[in-house]
Amino acid sequence: MARISERTWVYLVGLSLAGVGGVLFFIGFATPNWIEYNVNNLFGGRFYVQVSVTNAIGLWQACSSTMGVNVCVAIGVTSSGVVHHIVQALECITLMTFLGFGAIAFLHNFTNVTGSNVVRFNGLITFLGIIGGILGVIGAVLFVATNYNWTPSWSFGLVLAGCVLVLFGTVMMACSASQHSPRAAANRGVVYQTSAYPPGTNQPQVHVVSTTNNWSQQGYTSGSPQYYNVSEPAIG
């Protein structure tokens, strides 16, 4: 049974990084302004007045602020270029994969997941975390690359940092899970000894030390040690 209390410190650190990264991504995804551009203009004839204009663009809206007056326009299907829509699609896919990542990680660590489902859950978590993180980074970089003369805002920084943290966290979780999977644990638990010889025979003895059941992870032993005579020396 997979429980959070049984995880290694590497897995827990990776899970924490992925969780923090997911929260940062959601905040950056929901906030409106990803890049900003400030313009200072001088107006007037005899007396000059400096007017500061701040333009900001996010995934879903574009805003312009002039002398305290803020005007925002929603970015729809026909109000932006193809690249912007590609970025919107990539970040939406990232959002869905992170939601799936969180749901499966919760079930995997806080519910009774046993048998071959352990391997399946580990695979899904790794797949969603890596795919979501990569697509999120690609979308964020593409967004800034097409607006290179603008200044990235803190919302963009949260999205990029969140994706990177999820990637690192997922890799740590996958590495820890691969070292402590049911199949790997079962393989490490079988010890072959060829130093002892049974009485009355010239053939070496294979001593199989039984461990936990391959897939149950419940801690029950599969039986007492058994002895087998083989025609050739066992390689152990």
Protein backbone atom coordinates (compact mmCIF):
# COMPACT_ATOMS: atom_id res chain seq x y z
CA MET A 1 0.00 0.00 0.00
CA ALA A 2 1.47 3.32 -1.11
CA ARG A 3 1.54 5.86 1.71
CA ILE A 4 3.18 9.25 1.96
CA SER A 5 4.88 8.22 5.21
CA GLU A 6 6.75 5.44 3.38
CA ARG A 7 8.34 7.74 0.80
CA THR A 8 12.03 8.52 0.69
CA TRP A 9 13.28 12.04 1.34
CA VAL A 10 14.15 12.40 -2.35
CA TYR A 11 10.57 11.64 -3.33
CA LEU A 12 9.18 14.00 -0.69
CA VAL A 13 11.45 16.86 -1.78
CA GLY A 14 10.46 16.27 -5.40
CA LEU A 15 6.78 16.19 -4.49
CA SER A 16 7.16 19.44 -2.53
CA LEU A 17 8.94 21.15 -5.43
CA ALA A 18 6.26 20.01 -7.86
CA GLY A 19 3.51 21.21 -5.53
CA VAL A 20 5.07 24.65 -5.08
CA GLY A 21 5.69 24.85 -8.82
CA GLY A 22 2.07 24.03 -9.57
CA VAL A 23 0.82 26.78 -7.25
CA LEU A 24 3.19 29.33 -8.81
CA PHE A 25 2.04 28.35 -12.29
CA PHE A 26 -1.65 28.70 -11.39
CA ILE A 27 -1.07 32.19 -9.96
CA GLY A 28 0.90 33.31 -13.01
CA PHE A 29 -1.66 31.76 -15.36
CA ALA A 30 -4.55 33.58 -13.69
CA THR A 31 -2.95 37.02 -13.39
CA PRO A 32 -3.47 39.29 -16.43
CA ASN A 33 -0.15 40.96 -17.28
CA TRP A 34 2.82 38.95 -18.53
CA ILE A 35 4.79 41.72 -20.24
CA GLU A 36 4.83 45.51 -19.93
CA TYR A 37 6.02 48.46 -21.97
CA ASN A 38 6.32 52.03 -20.67
CA VAL A 39 6.29 55.11 -22.91
CA ASN A 40 6.89 58.71 -21.75
CA ASN A 41 5.60 61.46 -24.05
CA LEU A 42 5.80 65.27 -23.85
CA PHE A 43 2.73 67.29 -24.89
CA GLY A 44 1.98 71.01 -25.01
CA GLY A 45 3.14 74.19 -26.64
CA ARG A 46 4.18 76.80 -24.13
CA PHE A 47 4.11 74.40 -21.21
CA TYR A 48 5.16 70.79 -21.60
CA VAL A 49 3.39 68.01 -19.78
CA GLN A 50 4.94 64.60 -19.46
CA VAL A 51 2.44 61.79 -19.97
CA SER A 52 3.37 58.24 -19.04
CA VAL A 53 1.66 55.40 -20.87
CA THR A 54 1.94 51.82 -19.63
CA ASN A 55 0.96 49.00 -21.95
CA ALA A 56 0.58 45.45 -20.68
CA ILE A 57 -0.28 42.17 -22.37
CA GLY A 58 -1.18 38.83 -20.85
CA LEU A 59 -2.60 35.59 -22.13
CA TRP A 60 -6.18 36.80 -22.18
CA GLN A 61 -6.17 40.61 -22.22
CA ALA A 62 -4.23 43.72 -23.24
CA CYS A 63 -4.32 46.87 -21.10
CA SER A 64 -3.20 50.46 -21.55
CA SER A 65 -2.92 52.89 -18.65
CA THR A 66 -2.65 56.65 -19.34
CA MET A 67 -2.57 59.15 -16.48
CA GLY A 68 -4.39 56.77 -14.18
CA VAL A 69 -7.01 55.76 -16.74
CA ASN A 70 -6.85 52.03 -17.39
CA VAL A 71 -8.42 50.51 -20.50
CA CYS A 72 -8.37 46.73 -21.08
CA VAL A 73 -9.42 44.69 -24.10
CA ALA A 74 -9.98 40.94 -24.08
CA ILE A 75 -7.79 38.94 -26.44
CA GLY A 76 -10.20 36.80 -28.42
CA VAL A 77 -9.95 34.52 -31.41
CA THR A 78 -9.60 37.31 -33.97
CA SER A 79 -7.86 39.97 -31.87
CA SER A 80 -4.33 38.55 -31.82
CA GLY A 81 -1.83 36.71 -33.97
CA VAL A 82 -1.30 33.02 -34.53
CA VAL A 83 1.68 32.84 -32.19
CA HIS A 84 -0.35 34.24 -29.30
CA HIS A 85 -3.02 31.58 -29.81
CA ILE A 86 -0.35 28.87 -29.89
CA VAL A 87 0.93 30.15 -26.55
CA GLN A 88 -2.60 30.14 -25.16
CA ALA A 89 -3.08 26.53 -26.27
CA LEU A 90 0.26 25.40 -24.80
CA GLU A 91 -0.43 27.02 -21.44
CA CYS A 92 -3.96 25.57 -21.31
CA ILE A 93 -2.57 22.09 -21.99
CA THR A 94 0.00 22.68 -19.26
CA LEU A 95 -2.76 23.68 -16.86
CA MET A 96 -4.71 20.48 -17.57
CA THR A 97 -1.65 18.25 -17.23
CA PHE A 98 -0.74 19.86 -13.90
CA LEU A 99 -4.28 19.33 -12.63
CA GLY A 100 -4.06 15.67 -13.65
CA PHE A 101 -0.61 15.43 -12.08
CA GLY A 102 -1.94 16.74 -8.77
CA ALA A 103 -4.97 14.46 -8.75
CA ILE A 104 -3.01 11.30 -9.53
CA ALA A 105 -0.21 12.20 -7.11
CA PHE A 106 -2.79 12.64 -4.35
CA LEU A 107 -4.41 9.27 -5.08
CA HIS A 108 -1.02 7.61 -5.30
CA ASN A 109 0.23 8.90 -1.96
CA PHE A 110 -2.92 9.08 0.17
CA THR A 111 -5.06 6.16 -0.98
CA ASN A 112 -4.71 2.39 -1.08
CA VAL A 113 -2.85 1.86 -4.36
CA THR A 114 -1.43 -1.65 -4.63
CA GLY A 115 -0.32 -4.19 -7.16
CA SER A 116 0.55 -3.21 -10.71
CA ASN A 117 -1.32 0.09 -10.22
CA VAL A 118 1.76 1.38 -8.38
CA VAL A 119 3.80 1.20 -11.58
CA ARG A 120 0.99 2.71 -13.64
CA PHE A 121 0.54 5.62 -11.28
CA ASN A 122 4.28 6.33 -11.23
CA GLY A 123 4.31 6.32 -15.02
CA LEU A 124 1.34 8.69 -15.28
CA ILE A 125 2.80 11.10 -12.75
CA THR A 126 6.13 11.19 -14.58
CA PHE A 127 4.48 11.62 -17.99
CA LEU A 128 2.14 14.44 -16.94
CA GLY A 129 4.79 16.31 -14.98
CA ILE A 130 7.42 16.25 -17.71
CA ILE A 131 5.06 16.93 -20.63
CA GLY A 132 3.30 19.76 -18.78
CA GLY A 133 6.55 21.35 -17.65
CA ILE A 134 8.13 21.25 -21.10
CA LEU A 135 5.05 22.64 -22.87
CA GLY A 136 4.71 25.39 -20.26
CA VAL A 137 8.34 26.47 -20.69
CA ILE A 138 8.04 26.42 -24.49
CA GLY A 139 4.89 28.56 -24.37
CA ALA A 140 6.40 31.09 -21.95
CA VAL A 141 9.64 31.45 -23.93
CA LEU A 142 7.72 31.76 -27.20
CA PHE A 143 5.53 34.48 -25.68
CA VAL A 144 8.51 36.60 -24.65
CA ALA A 145 10.50 35.90 -27.83
CA THR A 146 7.74 37.40 -29.98
CA ASN A 147 7.67 40.51 -27.77
CA TYR A 148 11.39 40.91 -27.08
CA ASN A 149 11.24 44.70 -26.68
CA TRP A 150 8.78 44.41 -23.79
CA THR A 151 9.67 43.84 -20.14
CA PRO A 152 8.51 40.53 -18.56
CA SER A 153 6.38 41.02 -15.46
CA TRP A 154 6.23 38.98 -12.27
CA SER A 155 3.32 36.93 -13.63
CA PHE A 156 5.50 35.63 -16.43
CA GLY A 157 8.25 34.87 -13.91
CA LEU A 158 5.84 32.82 -11.80
CA VAL A 159 4.75 30.74 -14.79
CA LEU A 160 8.30 30.02 -15.89
CA ALA A 161 9.53 29.25 -12.36
CA GLY A 162 6.52 27.02 -11.72
CA CYS A 163 7.14 24.92 -14.82
CA VAL A 164 10.83 24.50 -14.01
CA LEU A 165 10.06 23.44 -10.42
CA VAL A 166 7.52 20.87 -11.61
CA LEU A 167 10.08 19.45 -14.03
CA PHE A 168 12.78 19.12 -11.37
CA GLY A 169 10.31 17.72 -8.84
CA THR A 170 8.97 15.15 -11.29
CA VAL A 171 12.46 13.93 -12.17
CA MET A 172 13.30 13.49 -8.48
CA MET A 173 10.05 11.59 -7.87
CA ALA A 174 10.64 9.36 -10.88
CA CYS A 175 14.21 8.54 -9.83
CA SER A 176 13.11 7.67 -6.30
CA ALA A 177 10.15 5.61 -7.50
CA SER A 178 12.31 3.63 -9.94
CA GLN A 179 14.68 2.66 -7.12
CA HIS A 180 11.87 1.59 -4.81
CA SER A 181 9.36 0.06 -7.22
CA PRO A 182 7.82 -3.33 -6.33
CA ARG A 183 9.71 -5.08 -9.11
CA ALA A 184 13.07 -3.56 -8.15
CA ALA A 185 12.49 -4.27 -4.48
CA ALA A 186 11.62 -7.88 -5.24
CA ASN A 187 14.72 -8.34 -7.38
CA ARG A 188 16.94 -6.92 -4.66
CA GLY A 189 15.34 -9.22 -2.09
CA VAL A 190 16.38 -12.50 -3.73
CA VAL A 191 19.84 -13.64 -2.65
CA TYR A 192 21.61 -16.58 -4.24
CA GLN A 193 24.25 -18.36 -2.19
CA THR A 194 26.53 -21.03 -3.65
CA SER A 195 29.08 -21.42 -0.87
CA ALA A 196 27.19 -24.19 0.98
CA TYR A 197 26.92 -27.72 -0.36
CA PRO A 198 24.20 -30.16 0.73
CA PRO A 199 25.42 -33.40 2.28
CA GLY A 200 26.03 -36.34 0.00
CA THR A 201 26.25 -34.45 -3.30
CA ASN A 202 28.99 -32.88 -5.36
CA GLN A 203 26.67 -30.30 -6.88
CA PRO A 204 26.44 -26.77 -5.50
CA GLN A 205 23.38 -25.66 -3.65
CA VAL A 206 21.24 -22.67 -4.54
CA HIS A 207 19.78 -20.98 -1.49
CA VAL A 208 16.78 -18.83 -2.34
CA VAL A 209 15.98 -16.34 0.38
CA SER A 210 12.32 -15.40 0.14
CA THR A 211 11.23 -11.80 0.58
CA THR A 212 8.01 -9.86 0.21
CA ASN A 213 5.57 -10.69 -2.52
CA ASN A 214 6.48 -8.97 -5.79
CA TRP A 215 3.38 -6.81 -6.10
CA SER A 216 1.55 -6.71 -2.78
CA GLN A 217 3.99 -4.46 -0.86
CA GLN A 218 2.15 -5.53 2.26
CA GLY A 219 5.19 -6.92 4.04
CA TYR A 220 4.18 -10.57 4.00
CA THR A 221 6.84 -13.15 3.19
CA SER A 222 6.21 -15.56 0.36
CA GLY A 223 7.43 -18.63 2.27
CA SER A 224 10.37 -20.30 3.94
CA PRO A 225 13.74 -20.71 2.17
CA GLN A 226 13.79 -23.46 -0.42
CA TYR A 227 16.76 -25.49 -1.68
CA TYR A 228 17.27 -26.58 -5.22
CA ASN A 229 19.95 -28.83 -6.70
CA VAL A 230 21.25 -27.65 -10.04
CA SER A 231 23.53 -29.29 -12.54
CA GLU A 232 25.74 -26.21 -12.98
CA PRO A 233 27.12 -23.72 -10.47
CA ALA A 234 24.76 -20.82 -9.98
CA ILE A 235 26.04 -17.37 -10.76
CA GLY A 236 25.04 -15.04 -8.02
